[in-house]
Amino acid sequence: MKRRNSQTLAEVLPHVLKVQHLDVRLNEVRLIKLWPEVVGKSLADQTENLYVKNGVLHLHVRSAIVRNELMLIRQSLVEKLNEAVGAPTVHDIVLR
């Protein structure tokens, strides 16, 4: 017997995540995992304690030189991170 209204899990899952408001958190986790890919391994090795709160990426930078470099490219990083995730996940970056 053939079901007419059946959907695959791949079709249903994005809708369920959105309805349960889990898509935002999932995108935040993706963003943190993509951080080394977006900034490069050498810069990523100088950062730690990454987390997203209220659309702001917070991270600790070990080196003042790296902190200054990241401050200069902060807005372009926001755009690259959101593009990598595929959704507007963060709107600012706070460096400590």
C-alpha atoms as a PDB file:
ATOM      1  CA  MET A   1       0.000   0.000   0.000  1.00  0.00           C
ATOM      2  CA  LYS A   2       1.398   3.361  -1.007  1.00  0.00           C
ATOM      3  CA  ARG A   3       1.206   6.321   1.361  1.00  0.00           C
ATOM      4  CA  ARG A   4       0.384   9.590  -0.301  1.00  0.00           C
ATOM      5  CA  ASN A   5       1.246  11.995   2.518  1.00  0.00           C
ATOM      6  CA  SER A   6       4.523  10.446   3.584  1.00  0.00           C
ATOM      7  CA  GLN A   7       7.628  12.606   3.929  1.00  0.00           C
ATOM      8  CA  THR A   8      11.235  11.754   4.495  1.00  0.00           C
ATOM      9  CA  LEU A   9      12.995  12.681   7.708  1.00  0.00           C
ATOM     10  CA  ALA A  10      15.149  15.142   5.748  1.00  0.00           C
ATOM     11  CA  GLU A  11      11.981  16.983   4.709  1.00  0.00           C
ATOM     12  CA  VAL A  12      10.386  17.003   8.169  1.00  0.00           C
ATOM     13  CA  LEU A  13      13.385  17.678  10.421  1.00  0.00           C
ATOM     14  CA  PRO A  14      14.027  21.341   9.451  1.00  0.00           C
ATOM     15  CA  HIS A  15      10.366  22.167  10.089  1.00  0.00           C
ATOM     16  CA  VAL A  16      10.375  20.422  13.484  1.00  0.00           C
ATOM     17  CA  LEU A  17      13.585  22.204  14.515  1.00  0.00           C
ATOM     18  CA  LYS A  18      12.107  25.555  13.573  1.00  0.00           C
ATOM     19  CA  VAL A  19       8.808  24.933  15.362  1.00  0.00           C
ATOM     20  CA  GLN A  20      10.649  23.821  18.509  1.00  0.00           C
ATOM     21  CA  HIS A  21      13.026  26.835  18.233  1.00  0.00           C
ATOM     22  CA  LEU A  22      16.015  24.506  18.108  1.00  0.00           C
ATOM     23  CA  ASP A  23      17.270  25.731  14.741  1.00  0.00           C
ATOM     24  CA  VAL A  24      18.856  28.830  16.274  1.00  0.00           C
ATOM     25  CA  ARG A  25      20.849  26.811  18.819  1.00  0.00           C
ATOM     26  CA  LEU A  26      21.874  24.314  16.144  1.00  0.00           C
ATOM     27  CA  ASN A  27      23.165  27.167  13.972  1.00  0.00           C
ATOM     28  CA  GLU A  28      25.127  28.547  16.934  1.00  0.00           C
ATOM     29  CA  VAL A  29      26.814  25.177  17.441  1.00  0.00           C
ATOM     30  CA  ARG A  30      27.577  24.963  13.713  1.00  0.00           C
ATOM     31  CA  LEU A  31      29.091  28.454  13.806  1.00  0.00           C
ATOM     32  CA  ILE A  32      31.446  27.538  16.647  1.00  0.00           C
ATOM     33  CA  LYS A  33      32.510  24.358  14.847  1.00  0.00           C
ATOM     34  CA  LEU A  34      33.136  26.341  11.638  1.00  0.00           C
ATOM     35  CA  TRP A  35      35.241  28.993  13.424  1.00  0.00           C
ATOM     36  CA  PRO A  36      38.642  27.351  12.592  1.00  0.00           C
ATOM     37  CA  GLU A  37      37.627  26.908   8.967  1.00  0.00           C
ATOM     38  CA  VAL A  38      36.550  30.551   8.608  1.00  0.00           C
ATOM     39  CA  VAL A  39      39.485  32.240  10.393  1.00  0.00           C
ATOM     40  CA  GLY A  40      42.160  29.638   9.721  1.00  0.00           C
ATOM     41  CA  LYS A  41      43.912  27.259  12.067  1.00  0.00           C
ATOM     42  CA  SER A  42      46.588  29.684  13.271  1.00  0.00           C
ATOM     43  CA  LEU A  43      44.057  32.316  14.387  1.00  0.00           C
ATOM     44  CA  ALA A  44      41.687  29.692  15.769  1.00  0.00           C
ATOM     45  CA  ASP A  45      44.504  28.287  17.925  1.00  0.00           C
ATOM     46  CA  GLN A  46      44.813  31.709  19.576  1.00  0.00           C
ATOM     47  CA  THR A  47      41.124  31.797  20.587  1.00  0.00           C
ATOM     48  CA  GLU A  48      39.181  29.868  23.214  1.00  0.00           C
ATOM     49  CA  ASN A  49      35.923  29.806  25.168  1.00  0.00           C
ATOM     50  CA  LEU A  50      33.711  30.531  22.159  1.00  0.00           C
ATOM     51  CA  TYR A  51      29.985  30.839  22.801  1.00  0.00           C
ATOM     52  CA  VAL A  52      27.019  32.651  21.302  1.00  0.00           C
ATOM     53  CA  LYS A  53      24.579  34.634  23.436  1.00  0.00           C
ATOM     54  CA  ASN A  54      21.787  36.793  22.029  1.00  0.00           C
ATOM     55  CA  GLY A  55      23.297  36.775  18.554  1.00  0.00           C
ATOM     56  CA  VAL A  56      26.750  37.850  19.737  1.00  0.00           C
ATOM     57  CA  LEU A  57      29.793  35.600  19.439  1.00  0.00           C
ATOM     58  CA  HIS A  58      31.969  35.879  22.550  1.00  0.00           C
ATOM     59  CA  LEU A  59      35.524  34.586  22.598  1.00  0.00           C
ATOM     60  CA  HIS A  60      38.740  34.948  24.544  1.00  0.00           C
ATOM     61  CA  VAL A  61      41.886  35.822  22.590  1.00  0.00           C
ATOM     62  CA  ARG A  62      45.254  34.865  24.068  1.00  0.00           C
ATOM     63  CA  SER A  63      47.315  37.439  22.169  1.00  0.00           C
ATOM     64  CA  ALA A  64      46.810  41.210  22.051  1.00  0.00           C
ATOM     65  CA  ILE A  65      48.149  41.256  18.498  1.00  0.00           C
ATOM     66  CA  VAL A  66      45.609  38.659  17.370  1.00  0.00           C
ATOM     67  CA  ARG A  67      42.850  40.514  19.239  1.00  0.00           C
ATOM     68  CA  ASN A  68      43.674  43.708  17.318  1.00  0.00           C
ATOM     69  CA  GLU A  69      43.756  41.820  14.027  1.00  0.00           C
ATOM     70  CA  LEU A  70      40.354  40.261  14.729  1.00  0.00           C
ATOM     71  CA  MET A  71      38.934  43.638  15.760  1.00  0.00           C
ATOM     72  CA  LEU A  72      39.895  45.071  12.374  1.00  0.00           C
ATOM     73  CA  ILE A  73      38.146  42.297  10.452  1.00  0.00           C
ATOM     74  CA  ARG A  74      35.276  41.766  12.881  1.00  0.00           C
ATOM     75  CA  GLN A  75      32.442  42.800  10.537  1.00  0.00           C
ATOM     76  CA  SER A  76      33.730  40.707   7.654  1.00  0.00           C
ATOM     77  CA  LEU A  77      34.052  37.760  10.050  1.00  0.00           C
ATOM     78  CA  VAL A  78      30.393  38.143  11.011  1.00  0.00           C
ATOM     79  CA  GLU A  79      29.430  38.000   7.342  1.00  0.00           C
ATOM     80  CA  LYS A  80      31.686  35.011   6.614  1.00  0.00           C
ATOM     81  CA  LEU A  81      30.441  33.088   9.655  1.00  0.00           C
ATOM     82  CA  ASN A  82      26.790  33.678   8.783  1.00  0.00           C
ATOM     83  CA  GLU A  83      27.485  32.657   5.192  1.00  0.00           C
ATOM     84  CA  ALA A  84      29.255  29.483   6.357  1.00  0.00           C
ATOM     85  CA  VAL A  85      26.305  28.560   8.594  1.00  0.00           C
ATOM     86  CA  GLY A  86      23.772  29.499   5.941  1.00  0.00           C
ATOM     87  CA  ALA A  87      21.657  31.639   8.263  1.00  0.00           C
ATOM     88  CA  PRO A  88      21.965  34.993  10.062  1.00  0.00           C
ATOM     89  CA  THR A  89      23.220  33.580  13.360  1.00  0.00           C
ATOM     90  CA  VAL A  90      25.391  36.380  14.799  1.00  0.00           C
ATOM     91  CA  HIS A  91      25.412  40.132  14.337  1.00  0.00           C
ATOM     92  CA  ASP A  92      28.501  41.028  16.392  1.00  0.00           C
ATOM     93  CA  ILE A  93      31.669  39.599  17.938  1.00  0.00           C
ATOM     94  CA  VAL A  94      32.989  40.450  21.402  1.00  0.00           C
ATOM     95  CA  LEU A  95      36.676  39.789  22.002  1.00  0.00           C
ATOM     96  CA  ARG A  96      38.102  39.428  25.509  1.00  0.00           C
END
